[in-house]
Amino acid sequence: MLKLLALGGLALGLVTGGASAADLSRPTTAMAPAAAADPVINNFYVEGYGGLRLGNNLHWDGIPYDLAQGASFGGTVGYNVMQGLSFDIDAMRTNSYYSCCGTSDVLDSTSLMADVNYTYDLTDMFSVFAGVGVGAIWLNYDNFDNGVGAGYQAKVGVAAKVTDQLSVFAEYKYQSAFGDINTTDNTIEYHTGSVLGGLKVSF
């Protein structure tokens, strides 16, 4: 009887041990981690903006004159080279008037600049950006005295994403000629700052 029990226990041990060894030797399938989604990059974009041209003091034929606050507005066509880096062509128009002489003594500017910009994402929704550019600035004084000169601009701002294609932004843009601009009858110093808000559409 004892021999039978011993043989039965030995047989049970062989069966269960074999099953355990089979389980250990059986290959297991590991769950692969989910791949992180790449950020959406829309290569082309257009912007439209408007806002306040800040008042300042500029030399006109060497004499300083105050300019009142005015308006600034413009548009941009750009291309995202890679995440965070973009290039654009920016056209902007400003108008103001000399405080000494009334609202009819108007100085307008039109600029065309090529910019390079860098954007840093703070969150999925909010980002900050900065850009610099060079180009040309056309001045028009009282609709008859015109001139053009080389200039540059710099901007900093913050943007909020509404959708993957639509964003709103606010920025401060400083713009200046490299030197005085010679117009038909005068020599005019030019630099200005603008506080702007706008929409950006990417596609």
Protein backbone atom coordinates (compact mmCIF):
# COMPACT_ATOMS: atom_id res chain seq x y z
CA MET A 1 0.00 0.00 0.00
CA LEU A 2 2.77 2.41 0.93
CA LYS A 3 4.55 1.56 -2.30
CA LEU A 4 1.42 2.41 -4.30
CA LEU A 5 1.07 5.78 -2.55
CA ALA A 6 4.72 6.55 -3.15
CA LEU A 7 4.45 5.68 -6.82
CA GLY A 8 1.30 7.80 -7.15
CA GLY A 9 2.99 10.77 -5.53
CA LEU A 10 6.01 10.40 -7.79
CA ALA A 11 3.79 10.28 -10.90
CA LEU A 12 1.86 13.40 -9.78
CA GLY A 13 5.12 15.23 -9.18
CA LEU A 14 6.39 14.38 -12.64
CA VAL A 15 3.14 15.59 -14.24
CA THR A 16 2.98 18.91 -12.38
CA GLY A 17 6.70 19.52 -12.72
CA GLY A 18 6.53 18.95 -16.46
CA ALA A 19 3.62 21.35 -16.74
CA SER A 20 5.52 24.03 -14.81
CA ALA A 21 8.59 23.58 -16.99
CA ALA A 22 6.43 23.86 -20.09
CA ASP A 23 4.93 27.09 -18.78
CA LEU A 24 8.41 28.52 -18.12
CA SER A 25 9.70 27.53 -21.54
CA ARG A 26 6.63 28.88 -23.39
CA PRO A 27 7.42 32.24 -25.04
CA THR A 28 5.45 35.23 -23.73
CA THR A 29 4.19 38.13 -25.84
CA ALA A 30 5.07 41.54 -24.30
CA MET A 31 2.70 44.46 -24.85
CA ALA A 32 4.53 47.08 -26.91
CA PRO A 33 4.23 50.60 -25.47
CA ALA A 34 2.02 52.94 -27.46
CA ALA A 35 4.03 55.25 -29.69
CA ALA A 36 3.82 58.95 -28.82
CA ALA A 37 1.94 60.99 -31.39
CA ASP A 38 4.09 63.36 -33.41
CA PRO A 39 3.16 67.06 -33.13
CA VAL A 40 1.03 68.37 -35.97
CA ILE A 41 3.05 70.71 -38.21
CA ASN A 42 1.12 72.72 -40.78
CA ASN A 43 3.78 74.02 -43.15
CA PHE A 44 2.18 77.17 -44.57
CA TYR A 45 0.39 79.93 -42.70
CA VAL A 46 -1.09 83.39 -43.16
CA GLU A 47 -1.62 86.08 -40.54
CA GLY A 48 -3.68 89.24 -40.35
CA TYR A 49 -3.20 91.80 -37.58
CA GLY A 50 -3.91 95.33 -36.43
CA GLY A 51 -3.37 97.57 -33.46
CA LEU A 52 -1.82 100.71 -32.03
CA ARG A 53 1.21 102.57 -33.34
CA LEU A 54 2.79 104.13 -30.25
CA GLY A 55 3.62 107.82 -30.24
CA ASN A 56 7.29 108.86 -30.30
CA ASN A 57 9.70 111.65 -31.18
CA LEU A 58 11.43 111.74 -34.59
CA HIS A 59 13.75 114.17 -36.33
CA TRP A 60 12.47 115.94 -39.42
CA ASP A 61 15.30 117.74 -41.23
CA GLY A 62 17.30 117.48 -38.00
CA ILE A 63 14.62 119.03 -35.79
CA PRO A 64 12.79 116.77 -33.25
CA TYR A 65 9.01 116.59 -33.49
CA ASP A 66 6.50 114.52 -31.53
CA LEU A 67 4.29 112.07 -33.38
CA ALA A 68 0.93 111.13 -31.88
CA GLN A 69 -0.41 107.61 -31.51
CA GLY A 70 -1.76 106.11 -34.68
CA ALA A 71 -2.81 102.83 -36.26
CA SER A 72 -0.84 99.81 -37.51
CA PHE A 73 -2.11 96.91 -39.59
CA GLY A 74 -0.68 94.28 -41.88
CA GLY A 75 -0.38 90.67 -42.98
CA THR A 76 2.11 87.82 -43.19
CA VAL A 77 2.66 84.76 -45.39
CA GLY A 78 4.96 82.19 -43.82
CA TYR A 79 6.41 78.68 -43.90
CA ASN A 80 7.25 76.38 -40.97
CA VAL A 81 10.64 74.82 -41.74
CA MET A 82 10.56 72.57 -38.67
CA GLN A 83 9.02 72.45 -35.21
CA GLY A 84 9.59 75.92 -33.74
CA LEU A 85 11.37 77.53 -36.72
CA SER A 86 9.65 79.53 -39.47
CA PHE A 87 10.29 82.14 -42.14
CA ASP A 88 7.82 84.72 -43.42
CA ILE A 89 7.22 87.78 -45.58
CA ASP A 90 5.56 90.55 -43.58
CA ALA A 91 3.87 93.69 -44.93
CA MET A 92 2.79 96.40 -42.50
CA ARG A 93 1.35 99.91 -42.78
CA THR A 94 1.32 102.57 -40.06
CA ASN A 95 0.00 106.09 -39.90
CA SER A 96 0.39 108.95 -37.47
CA TYR A 97 0.54 112.74 -37.43
CA TYR A 98 2.88 115.39 -36.05
CA SER A 99 1.44 116.65 -32.77
CA CYS A 100 2.61 120.20 -33.42
CA CYS A 101 0.70 120.67 -36.62
CA GLY A 102 -2.67 118.96 -36.36
CA THR A 103 -4.16 115.78 -37.77
CA SER A 104 -3.59 116.90 -41.37
CA ASP A 105 0.21 116.71 -41.01
CA VAL A 106 0.39 112.95 -41.58
CA LEU A 107 3.34 110.56 -41.78
CA ASP A 108 2.54 107.12 -43.23
CA SER A 109 4.88 104.15 -43.52
CA THR A 110 4.67 100.94 -45.53
CA SER A 111 7.17 98.16 -44.90
CA LEU A 112 8.03 94.83 -46.49
CA MET A 113 10.24 92.55 -44.37
CA ALA A 114 11.64 89.01 -44.55
CA ASP A 115 11.57 87.49 -41.05
CA VAL A 116 12.96 84.47 -39.23
CA ASN A 117 10.95 83.39 -36.18
CA TYR A 118 11.28 80.96 -33.30
CA THR A 119 8.28 79.63 -31.35
CA TYR A 120 8.46 77.82 -28.00
CA ASP A 121 5.44 75.80 -26.85
CA LEU A 122 4.61 76.39 -23.18
CA THR A 123 1.65 73.95 -23.25
CA ASP A 124 -0.44 72.26 -25.94
CA MET A 125 -2.42 75.51 -26.18
CA PHE A 126 -0.06 78.40 -25.37
CA SER A 127 3.25 79.41 -26.92
CA VAL A 128 5.66 82.36 -26.98
CA PHE A 129 7.56 83.57 -30.03
CA ALA A 130 10.18 86.04 -31.20
CA GLY A 131 11.35 87.12 -34.65
CA VAL A 132 13.69 89.48 -36.47
CA GLY A 133 13.65 90.70 -40.07
CA VAL A 134 15.14 93.06 -42.63
CA GLY A 135 13.65 94.78 -45.65
CA ALA A 136 12.48 98.15 -46.91
CA ILE A 137 10.42 101.01 -45.45
CA TRP A 138 8.55 103.54 -47.60
CA LEU A 139 7.60 106.89 -46.05
CA ASN A 140 4.88 109.22 -47.24
CA TYR A 141 4.57 112.69 -45.73
CA ASP A 142 1.36 114.60 -46.47
CA ASN A 143 0.75 112.52 -49.63
CA PHE A 144 3.42 114.30 -51.69
CA ASP A 145 6.82 113.84 -50.01
CA ASN A 146 7.99 110.24 -50.51
CA GLY A 147 11.11 108.22 -49.85
CA VAL A 148 12.36 104.68 -49.22
CA GLY A 149 15.15 103.21 -47.12
CA ALA A 150 16.45 99.92 -45.74
CA GLY A 151 15.16 98.89 -42.35
CA TYR A 152 14.74 96.12 -39.81
CA GLN A 153 12.21 94.92 -37.27
CA ALA A 154 11.98 92.73 -34.15
CA LYS A 155 8.93 91.25 -32.47
CA VAL A 156 7.97 89.24 -29.38
CA GLY A 157 4.59 87.82 -28.53
CA VAL A 158 2.32 85.13 -27.17
CA ALA A 159 -0.12 82.89 -29.05
CA ALA A 160 -3.06 80.69 -28.09
CA LYS A 161 -4.17 77.76 -30.24
CA VAL A 162 -7.90 77.58 -30.94
CA THR A 163 -7.64 74.56 -33.28
CA ASP A 164 -4.72 72.87 -35.07
CA GLN A 165 -5.26 75.37 -37.92
CA LEU A 166 -6.34 78.55 -36.09
CA SER A 167 -4.50 80.62 -33.48
CA VAL A 168 -4.86 84.08 -31.94
CA PHE A 169 -1.82 86.13 -30.97
CA ALA A 170 -0.66 89.39 -29.42
CA GLU A 171 2.74 90.93 -30.07
CA TYR A 172 4.94 93.98 -29.72
CA LYS A 173 6.81 94.94 -32.90
CA TYR A 174 9.65 97.45 -33.12
CA GLN A 175 10.60 98.75 -36.54
CA SER A 176 13.34 101.16 -37.63
CA ALA A 177 15.19 102.44 -40.68
CA PHE A 178 18.94 101.86 -40.63
CA GLY A 179 19.42 105.60 -41.12
CA ASP A 180 17.49 108.74 -42.00
CA ILE A 181 15.29 108.34 -45.08
CA ASN A 182 15.71 110.94 -47.80
CA THR A 183 12.35 111.93 -49.22
CA THR A 184 11.59 114.22 -52.14
CA ASP A 185 12.05 117.39 -50.08
CA ASN A 186 13.21 116.34 -46.60
CA THR A 187 15.29 113.99 -44.46
CA ILE A 188 13.17 111.99 -42.00
CA GLU A 189 14.23 109.82 -39.08
CA TYR A 190 12.05 106.76 -38.69
CA HIS A 191 11.47 104.18 -35.96
CA THR A 192 8.30 103.07 -34.22
CA GLY A 193 6.75 100.51 -31.90
CA SER A 194 3.36 98.86 -32.35
CA VAL A 195 1.15 96.77 -30.06
CA LEU A 196 -0.73 94.30 -32.25
CA GLY A 197 -3.26 91.50 -32.12
CA GLY A 198 -4.29 89.11 -34.86
CA LEU A 199 -5.29 85.74 -36.26
CA LYS A 200 -3.07 83.00 -37.71
CA VAL A 201 -4.41 80.35 -40.09
CA SER A 202 -2.19 77.31 -40.83
CA PHE A 203 -2.65 74.80 -43.64
